[in-house]
Amino acid sequence: MEHMKAMYRRHMSLQGPHVVDHAATARFMASYFSIMSDRLTELPAADHAVVRYENLVRDPIRTVRGLYDRLGLPYSAAYDRALAAYVRTVRDHAPNRFDVSPAVHALVRAECGEILERYGFAYEPI
């Protein structure tokens, strides 16, 4: 999240410099996911889905097909071919990896532990 914020600020912000504040970011994420979870309960189950990033990376086509099926959306053979072609173009993509200090790990665990557990995220230091 801090990396994404830095990238966004570099391109979109008129002010600076910006201070990295892991505690504020962790509180924001905890609040965001809490609100999002509450709002999702207000929607009919058939109108939303949560997709795990790990599943999308491991098997993107199957994950997208499952998402379309879950939401009752049409999934055509032409779309399947286009998706497969796109997936081939990004198959060598390597996600960013960041070193996380034990202090930041503990902070995230303290602020976001409930959310991490609710969604089955395994947040471990790299």
C-alpha atoms as a PDB file:
ATOM      1  CA  MET A   1       0.000   0.000   0.000  1.00  0.00           C
ATOM      2  CA  GLU A   2       2.819   2.408   0.836  1.00  0.00           C
ATOM      3  CA  HIS A   3       4.417   1.689  -2.549  1.00  0.00           C
ATOM      4  CA  MET A   4       1.132   2.313  -4.346  1.00  0.00           C
ATOM      5  CA  LYS A   5       0.639   5.575  -2.447  1.00  0.00           C
ATOM      6  CA  ALA A   6       4.153   6.725  -3.358  1.00  0.00           C
ATOM      7  CA  MET A   7       3.588   5.915  -7.039  1.00  0.00           C
ATOM      8  CA  TYR A   8       0.236   7.691  -7.050  1.00  0.00           C
ATOM      9  CA  ARG A   9       1.620  10.758  -5.293  1.00  0.00           C
ATOM     10  CA  ARG A  10       4.545  10.995  -7.682  1.00  0.00           C
ATOM     11  CA  HIS A  11       2.197  11.290 -10.641  1.00  0.00           C
ATOM     12  CA  MET A  12      -0.907  12.918  -9.183  1.00  0.00           C
ATOM     13  CA  SER A  13       0.030  15.128  -6.245  1.00  0.00           C
ATOM     14  CA  LEU A  14       0.852  18.820  -6.323  1.00  0.00           C
ATOM     15  CA  GLN A  15       2.139  18.815  -2.757  1.00  0.00           C
ATOM     16  CA  GLY A  16       5.149  17.155  -1.240  1.00  0.00           C
ATOM     17  CA  PRO A  17       7.226  15.794   0.209  1.00  0.00           C
ATOM     18  CA  HIS A  18       5.135  13.037   1.703  1.00  0.00           C
ATOM     19  CA  VAL A  19       5.875  11.169   4.869  1.00  0.00           C
ATOM     20  CA  VAL A  20       5.477   7.405   4.979  1.00  0.00           C
ATOM     21  CA  ASP A  21       3.194   6.683   7.918  1.00  0.00           C
ATOM     22  CA  HIS A  22       2.673   2.944   8.276  1.00  0.00           C
ATOM     23  CA  ALA A  23       0.367   3.384  11.283  1.00  0.00           C
ATOM     24  CA  ALA A  24      -1.957   5.750   9.415  1.00  0.00           C
ATOM     25  CA  THR A  25      -1.982   3.474   6.376  1.00  0.00           C
ATOM     26  CA  ALA A  26      -2.773   0.424   8.506  1.00  0.00           C
ATOM     27  CA  ARG A  27      -5.618   2.289  10.236  1.00  0.00           C
ATOM     28  CA  PHE A  28      -6.966   3.428   6.862  1.00  0.00           C
ATOM     29  CA  MET A  29      -6.891  -0.128   5.472  1.00  0.00           C
ATOM     30  CA  ALA A  30      -8.599  -1.518   8.575  1.00  0.00           C
ATOM     31  CA  SER A  31     -11.309   1.123   8.298  1.00  0.00           C
ATOM     32  CA  TYR A  32     -11.704   0.633   4.545  1.00  0.00           C
ATOM     33  CA  PHE A  33     -12.103  -3.131   4.779  1.00  0.00           C
ATOM     34  CA  SER A  34     -14.454  -2.856   7.727  1.00  0.00           C
ATOM     35  CA  ILE A  35     -16.721  -0.463   5.816  1.00  0.00           C
ATOM     36  CA  MET A  36     -16.449  -2.536   2.642  1.00  0.00           C
ATOM     37  CA  SER A  37     -17.383  -5.719   4.511  1.00  0.00           C
ATOM     38  CA  ASP A  38     -20.366  -4.026   6.136  1.00  0.00           C
ATOM     39  CA  ARG A  39     -21.595  -2.630   2.815  1.00  0.00           C
ATOM     40  CA  LEU A  40     -21.218  -5.971   1.054  1.00  0.00           C
ATOM     41  CA  THR A  41     -23.644  -7.517   3.536  1.00  0.00           C
ATOM     42  CA  GLU A  42     -26.240  -5.032   2.282  1.00  0.00           C
ATOM     43  CA  LEU A  43     -26.011  -6.432  -1.256  1.00  0.00           C
ATOM     44  CA  PRO A  44     -27.669  -9.655  -2.354  1.00  0.00           C
ATOM     45  CA  ALA A  45     -25.084 -12.454  -2.325  1.00  0.00           C
ATOM     46  CA  ALA A  46     -25.524 -12.949  -6.070  1.00  0.00           C
ATOM     47  CA  ASP A  47     -24.485  -9.341  -6.743  1.00  0.00           C
ATOM     48  CA  HIS A  48     -20.930  -9.403  -5.456  1.00  0.00           C
ATOM     49  CA  ALA A  49     -17.902 -11.630  -5.084  1.00  0.00           C
ATOM     50  CA  VAL A  50     -14.556 -11.436  -3.363  1.00  0.00           C
ATOM     51  CA  VAL A  51     -11.661 -12.659  -5.470  1.00  0.00           C
ATOM     52  CA  ARG A  52      -8.421 -13.716  -3.844  1.00  0.00           C
ATOM     53  CA  TYR A  53      -5.360 -12.324  -5.573  1.00  0.00           C
ATOM     54  CA  GLU A  54      -3.544 -15.633  -5.090  1.00  0.00           C
ATOM     55  CA  ASN A  55      -6.278 -17.476  -7.005  1.00  0.00           C
ATOM     56  CA  LEU A  56      -6.222 -14.920  -9.793  1.00  0.00           C
ATOM     57  CA  VAL A  57      -2.454 -15.270 -10.153  1.00  0.00           C
ATOM     58  CA  ARG A  58      -2.447 -19.067  -9.883  1.00  0.00           C
ATOM     59  CA  ASP A  59      -5.247 -19.703 -12.380  1.00  0.00           C
ATOM     60  CA  PRO A  60      -6.556 -16.471 -13.899  1.00  0.00           C
ATOM     61  CA  ILE A  61      -8.849 -18.011 -16.501  1.00  0.00           C
ATOM     62  CA  ARG A  62     -10.522 -20.387 -14.069  1.00  0.00           C
ATOM     63  CA  THR A  63     -10.867 -17.588 -11.509  1.00  0.00           C
ATOM     64  CA  VAL A  64     -12.477 -15.203 -14.003  1.00  0.00           C
ATOM     65  CA  ARG A  65     -14.787 -17.958 -15.290  1.00  0.00           C
ATOM     66  CA  GLY A  66     -15.812 -18.677 -11.704  1.00  0.00           C
ATOM     67  CA  LEU A  67     -16.420 -14.994 -11.096  1.00  0.00           C
ATOM     68  CA  TYR A  68     -18.634 -14.707 -14.173  1.00  0.00           C
ATOM     69  CA  ASP A  69     -20.517 -17.840 -13.131  1.00  0.00           C
ATOM     70  CA  ARG A  70     -20.951 -16.595  -9.552  1.00  0.00           C
ATOM     71  CA  LEU A  71     -22.344 -13.272 -10.789  1.00  0.00           C
ATOM     72  CA  GLY A  72     -24.519 -14.854 -13.482  1.00  0.00           C
ATOM     73  CA  LEU A  73     -22.728 -13.032 -16.297  1.00  0.00           C
ATOM     74  CA  PRO A  74     -22.415 -14.426 -19.822  1.00  0.00           C
ATOM     75  CA  TYR A  75     -18.989 -15.899 -20.568  1.00  0.00           C
ATOM     76  CA  SER A  76     -18.514 -16.495 -24.272  1.00  0.00           C
ATOM     77  CA  ALA A  77     -15.983 -18.568 -26.177  1.00  0.00           C
ATOM     78  CA  ALA A  78     -14.744 -15.359 -27.826  1.00  0.00           C
ATOM     79  CA  TYR A  79     -14.125 -13.789 -24.423  1.00  0.00           C
ATOM     80  CA  ASP A  80     -12.389 -16.946 -23.262  1.00  0.00           C
ATOM     81  CA  ARG A  81     -10.028 -16.789 -26.249  1.00  0.00           C
ATOM     82  CA  ALA A  82      -9.341 -13.077 -25.680  1.00  0.00           C
ATOM     83  CA  LEU A  83      -8.690 -13.654 -21.977  1.00  0.00           C
ATOM     84  CA  ALA A  84      -6.373 -16.578 -22.725  1.00  0.00           C
ATOM     85  CA  ALA A  85      -4.459 -14.440 -25.226  1.00  0.00           C
ATOM     86  CA  TYR A  86      -4.089 -11.649 -22.674  1.00  0.00           C
ATOM     87  CA  VAL A  87      -2.969 -14.053 -19.944  1.00  0.00           C
ATOM     88  CA  ARG A  88      -0.245 -15.341 -22.269  1.00  0.00           C
ATOM     89  CA  THR A  89       1.072 -11.778 -22.685  1.00  0.00           C
ATOM     90  CA  VAL A  90       1.448 -11.279 -18.916  1.00  0.00           C
ATOM     91  CA  ARG A  91       2.527 -14.760 -17.857  1.00  0.00           C
ATOM     92  CA  ASP A  92       6.090 -13.615 -17.100  1.00  0.00           C
ATOM     93  CA  HIS A  93       4.966 -10.735 -14.885  1.00  0.00           C
ATOM     94  CA  ALA A  94       6.618 -10.790 -11.471  1.00  0.00           C
ATOM     95  CA  PRO A  95       4.799  -8.927  -8.708  1.00  0.00           C
ATOM     96  CA  ASN A  96       6.706  -6.492  -6.531  1.00  0.00           C
ATOM     97  CA  ARG A  97       8.196  -7.903  -3.357  1.00  0.00           C
ATOM     98  CA  PHE A  98       8.991  -5.739  -0.359  1.00  0.00           C
ATOM     99  CA  ASP A  99      10.926  -6.273   2.812  1.00  0.00           C
ATOM    100  CA  VAL A 100       8.687  -5.676   5.809  1.00  0.00           C
ATOM    101  CA  SER A 101      10.286  -4.993   9.143  1.00  0.00           C
ATOM    102  CA  PRO A 102       9.079  -6.939  12.182  1.00  0.00           C
ATOM    103  CA  ALA A 103       7.747  -3.660  13.625  1.00  0.00           C
ATOM    104  CA  VAL A 104       5.625  -2.922  10.544  1.00  0.00           C
ATOM    105  CA  HIS A 105       4.476  -6.540  10.449  1.00  0.00           C
ATOM    106  CA  ALA A 106       3.330  -6.277  14.063  1.00  0.00           C
ATOM    107  CA  LEU A 107       1.584  -2.975  13.334  1.00  0.00           C
ATOM    108  CA  VAL A 108      -0.316  -4.417  10.377  1.00  0.00           C
ATOM    109  CA  ARG A 109      -1.216  -7.507  12.380  1.00  0.00           C
ATOM    110  CA  ALA A 110      -2.489  -5.324  15.260  1.00  0.00           C
ATOM    111  CA  GLU A 111      -4.529  -2.961  13.060  1.00  0.00           C
ATOM    112  CA  CYS A 112      -5.704  -5.382  10.369  1.00  0.00           C
ATOM    113  CA  GLY A 113      -5.528  -8.827  11.989  1.00  0.00           C
ATOM    114  CA  GLU A 114      -9.300  -9.318  12.036  1.00  0.00           C
ATOM    115  CA  ILE A 115      -9.569  -8.493   8.335  1.00  0.00           C
ATOM    116  CA  LEU A 116      -6.603 -10.656   7.434  1.00  0.00           C
ATOM    117  CA  GLU A 117      -8.230 -13.589   9.208  1.00  0.00           C
ATOM    118  CA  ARG A 118     -11.724 -12.897   7.807  1.00  0.00           C
ATOM    119  CA  TYR A 119     -10.476 -13.036   4.227  1.00  0.00           C
ATOM    120  CA  GLY A 120      -7.915 -15.767   4.824  1.00  0.00           C
ATOM    121  CA  PHE A 121      -4.893 -13.621   4.051  1.00  0.00           C
ATOM    122  CA  ALA A 122      -1.628 -15.074   5.179  1.00  0.00           C
ATOM    123  CA  TYR A 123       0.362 -11.969   6.061  1.00  0.00           C
ATOM    124  CA  GLU A 124       3.853 -13.054   6.933  1.00  0.00           C
ATOM    125  CA  PRO A 125       7.071 -11.099   6.646  1.00  0.00           C
ATOM    126  CA  ILE A 126       9.100 -11.885   3.551  1.00  0.00           C
END
